């Protein structure tokens, strides 16, 4: 499976026939999800989201540009907030900006506007 710049060979993790059956079922479900996601067309002019959006990006991310992150702003009729943190596309890992992200999300959930 390849998605969001990540390649995973799930079959290499099968240690039994049951594992293999589960992995095949999982792959089938993931493919259905991917089909749904890729076929969805959102029209923000018809239905902007009435919820705040907080977006994050890693400073060294080579998959997402600031422009693509800010493209989320018109999708809400509420507040949009953008945070750029140290790290790459997988900045949430503990060796990058995990604690920073957890702190920012916690503050956002309790209503802190900083």
C-alpha atoms as a PDB file:
ATOM      1  CA  UNK A   1       0.000   0.000   0.000  1.00  0.00           C
ATOM      2  CA  UNK A   2       1.289   3.473  -0.838  1.00  0.00           C
ATOM      3  CA  UNK A   3      -0.396   6.617   0.467  1.00  0.00           C
ATOM      4  CA  UNK A   4       0.736  10.056   1.630  1.00  0.00           C
ATOM      5  CA  UNK A   5       4.312   9.238   0.745  1.00  0.00           C
ATOM      6  CA  UNK A   6       4.327   6.122   2.917  1.00  0.00           C
ATOM      7  CA  UNK A   7       4.896   2.633   1.518  1.00  0.00           C
ATOM      8  CA  UNK A   8       3.742  -0.327   3.597  1.00  0.00           C
ATOM      9  CA  UNK A   9       4.008  -4.008   2.752  1.00  0.00           C
ATOM     10  CA  UNK A  10       1.329  -5.408   5.052  1.00  0.00           C
ATOM     11  CA  UNK A  11       1.709  -8.967   3.816  1.00  0.00           C
ATOM     12  CA  UNK A  12       5.239  -9.205   5.234  1.00  0.00           C
ATOM     13  CA  UNK A  13       3.726  -8.975   8.727  1.00  0.00           C
ATOM     14  CA  UNK A  14       1.506 -12.049   8.346  1.00  0.00           C
ATOM     15  CA  UNK A  15       2.666 -14.774  10.708  1.00  0.00           C
ATOM     16  CA  UNK A  16      -0.300 -17.103  10.241  1.00  0.00           C
ATOM     17  CA  UNK A  17      -3.196 -17.848   7.888  1.00  0.00           C
ATOM     18  CA  UNK A  18      -5.447 -15.835  10.209  1.00  0.00           C
ATOM     19  CA  UNK A  19      -3.102 -12.848   9.989  1.00  0.00           C
ATOM     20  CA  UNK A  20      -3.074 -13.121   6.210  1.00  0.00           C
ATOM     21  CA  UNK A  21      -6.887 -13.298   6.072  1.00  0.00           C
ATOM     22  CA  UNK A  22      -7.156 -10.257   8.346  1.00  0.00           C
ATOM     23  CA  UNK A  23      -4.641  -8.280   6.295  1.00  0.00           C
ATOM     24  CA  UNK A  24      -6.511  -9.092   3.068  1.00  0.00           C
ATOM     25  CA  UNK A  25      -9.753  -7.915   4.693  1.00  0.00           C
ATOM     26  CA  UNK A  26      -8.014  -4.759   5.902  1.00  0.00           C
ATOM     27  CA  UNK A  27      -6.648  -4.042   2.425  1.00  0.00           C
ATOM     28  CA  UNK A  28     -10.114  -4.478   0.909  1.00  0.00           C
ATOM     29  CA  UNK A  29     -11.567  -1.993   3.432  1.00  0.00           C
ATOM     30  CA  UNK A  30      -8.745   0.482   2.817  1.00  0.00           C
ATOM     31  CA  UNK A  31      -9.311   0.322  -0.928  1.00  0.00           C
ATOM     32  CA  UNK A  32     -13.018   1.063  -0.411  1.00  0.00           C
ATOM     33  CA  UNK A  33     -12.113   4.034   1.803  1.00  0.00           C
ATOM     34  CA  UNK A  34      -9.641   5.308  -0.779  1.00  0.00           C
ATOM     35  CA  UNK A  35     -12.275   5.020  -3.523  1.00  0.00           C
ATOM     36  CA  UNK A  36     -14.730   7.019  -1.411  1.00  0.00           C
ATOM     37  CA  UNK A  37     -12.180   9.717  -0.589  1.00  0.00           C
ATOM     38  CA  UNK A  38     -10.993  10.092  -4.177  1.00  0.00           C
ATOM     39  CA  UNK A  39     -14.537  10.285  -5.554  1.00  0.00           C
ATOM     40  CA  UNK A  40     -15.831  12.915  -3.094  1.00  0.00           C
ATOM     41  CA  UNK A  41     -16.249  16.422  -4.495  1.00  0.00           C
ATOM     42  CA  UNK A  42     -16.664  19.191  -1.944  1.00  0.00           C
ATOM     43  CA  UNK A  43     -18.038  22.533  -3.080  1.00  0.00           C
ATOM     44  CA  UNK A  44     -17.189  25.142  -0.395  1.00  0.00           C
ATOM     45  CA  UNK A  45     -19.442  27.730  -2.042  1.00  0.00           C
ATOM     46  CA  UNK A  46     -22.444  25.507  -1.372  1.00  0.00           C
ATOM     47  CA  UNK A  47     -21.531  24.240   2.087  1.00  0.00           C
ATOM     48  CA  UNK A  48     -18.654  25.911   3.929  1.00  0.00           C
ATOM     49  CA  UNK A  49     -17.943  24.190   7.219  1.00  0.00           C
ATOM     50  CA  UNK A  50     -19.285  26.041  10.253  1.00  0.00           C
ATOM     51  CA  UNK A  51     -16.440  24.867  12.486  1.00  0.00           C
ATOM     52  CA  UNK A  52     -12.973  26.258  13.190  1.00  0.00           C
ATOM     53  CA  UNK A  53     -10.088  24.653  11.316  1.00  0.00           C
ATOM     54  CA  UNK A  54      -6.593  24.428  12.782  1.00  0.00           C
ATOM     55  CA  UNK A  55      -3.966  23.312  10.254  1.00  0.00           C
ATOM     56  CA  UNK A  56      -0.416  22.133  10.878  1.00  0.00           C
ATOM     57  CA  UNK A  57       2.568  21.684   8.577  1.00  0.00           C
ATOM     58  CA  UNK A  58       6.180  20.703   9.045  1.00  0.00           C
ATOM     59  CA  UNK A  59       8.810  23.258   8.020  1.00  0.00           C
ATOM     60  CA  UNK A  60      10.714  20.612   6.039  1.00  0.00           C
ATOM     61  CA  UNK A  61       7.592  18.997   4.506  1.00  0.00           C
ATOM     62  CA  UNK A  62       8.167  18.276   0.829  1.00  0.00           C
ATOM     63  CA  UNK A  63       4.580  17.021   0.295  1.00  0.00           C
ATOM     64  CA  UNK A  64       2.549  20.052   1.443  1.00  0.00           C
ATOM     65  CA  UNK A  65       3.163  23.703   0.647  1.00  0.00           C
ATOM     66  CA  UNK A  66       1.967  26.622   2.753  1.00  0.00           C
ATOM     67  CA  UNK A  67      -0.305  27.477  -0.169  1.00  0.00           C
ATOM     68  CA  UNK A  68      -1.960  24.035  -0.030  1.00  0.00           C
ATOM     69  CA  UNK A  69      -2.416  24.313   3.732  1.00  0.00           C
ATOM     70  CA  UNK A  70      -3.954  27.784   3.462  1.00  0.00           C
ATOM     71  CA  UNK A  71      -6.342  26.402   0.823  1.00  0.00           C
ATOM     72  CA  UNK A  72      -8.311  25.057   3.807  1.00  0.00           C
ATOM     73  CA  UNK A  73      -9.158  28.603   4.977  1.00  0.00           C
ATOM     74  CA  UNK A  74     -12.050  29.234   2.544  1.00  0.00           C
ATOM     75  CA  UNK A  75     -13.577  25.895   3.535  1.00  0.00           C
ATOM     76  CA  UNK A  76     -14.802  27.288   6.852  1.00  0.00           C
ATOM     77  CA  UNK A  77     -17.135  30.109   7.755  1.00  0.00           C
ATOM     78  CA  UNK A  78     -15.485  30.020  11.183  1.00  0.00           C
ATOM     79  CA  UNK A  79     -11.911  30.683  12.342  1.00  0.00           C
ATOM     80  CA  UNK A  80      -8.855  29.300  10.519  1.00  0.00           C
ATOM     81  CA  UNK A  81      -5.541  28.963  12.328  1.00  0.00           C
ATOM     82  CA  UNK A  82      -2.240  27.757  10.832  1.00  0.00           C
ATOM     83  CA  UNK A  83       0.811  26.488  12.727  1.00  0.00           C
ATOM     84  CA  UNK A  84       4.116  25.605  11.116  1.00  0.00           C
ATOM     85  CA  UNK A  85       6.261  23.351  13.287  1.00  0.00           C
ATOM     86  CA  UNK A  86       9.714  21.830  12.999  1.00  0.00           C
ATOM     87  CA  UNK A  87       9.837  18.529  11.173  1.00  0.00           C
ATOM     88  CA  UNK A  88       8.903  16.946   7.880  1.00  0.00           C
ATOM     89  CA  UNK A  89       5.633  15.454   6.587  1.00  0.00           C
ATOM     90  CA  UNK A  90       5.494  13.196   9.658  1.00  0.00           C
ATOM     91  CA  UNK A  91       6.077  15.979  12.212  1.00  0.00           C
ATOM     92  CA  UNK A  92       3.780  14.317  14.736  1.00  0.00           C
ATOM     93  CA  UNK A  93       6.418  11.701  15.595  1.00  0.00           C
ATOM     94  CA  UNK A  94       7.984  11.970  19.045  1.00  0.00           C
ATOM     95  CA  UNK A  95      11.393  12.784  17.550  1.00  0.00           C
ATOM     96  CA  UNK A  96       9.971  15.869  15.821  1.00  0.00           C
ATOM     97  CA  UNK A  97       7.114  18.121  17.061  1.00  0.00           C
ATOM     98  CA  UNK A  98       4.762  15.733  18.857  1.00  0.00           C
ATOM     99  CA  UNK A  99       4.786  17.623  22.182  1.00  0.00           C
ATOM    100  CA  UNK A 100       4.297  20.978  20.461  1.00  0.00           C
ATOM    101  CA  UNK A 101       1.304  19.657  18.520  1.00  0.00           C
ATOM    102  CA  UNK A 102      -0.254  18.079  21.616  1.00  0.00           C
ATOM    103  CA  UNK A 103       0.147  21.379  23.485  1.00  0.00           C
ATOM    104  CA  UNK A 104      -1.403  23.412  20.638  1.00  0.00           C
ATOM    105  CA  UNK A 105      -4.351  21.012  20.256  1.00  0.00           C
ATOM    106  CA  UNK A 106      -4.950  20.935  24.020  1.00  0.00           C
ATOM    107  CA  UNK A 107      -4.999  24.739  24.192  1.00  0.00           C
ATOM    108  CA  UNK A 108      -7.346  24.887  21.174  1.00  0.00           C
ATOM    109  CA  UNK A 109      -9.768  22.406  22.751  1.00  0.00           C
ATOM    110  CA  UNK A 110     -10.011  24.399  25.989  1.00  0.00           C
ATOM    111  CA  UNK A 111     -10.613  27.627  24.083  1.00  0.00           C
ATOM    112  CA  UNK A 112      -7.188  29.244  24.390  1.00  0.00           C
ATOM    113  CA  UNK A 113      -6.824  31.520  21.331  1.00  0.00           C
ATOM    114  CA  UNK A 114      -2.981  31.668  21.395  1.00  0.00           C
END
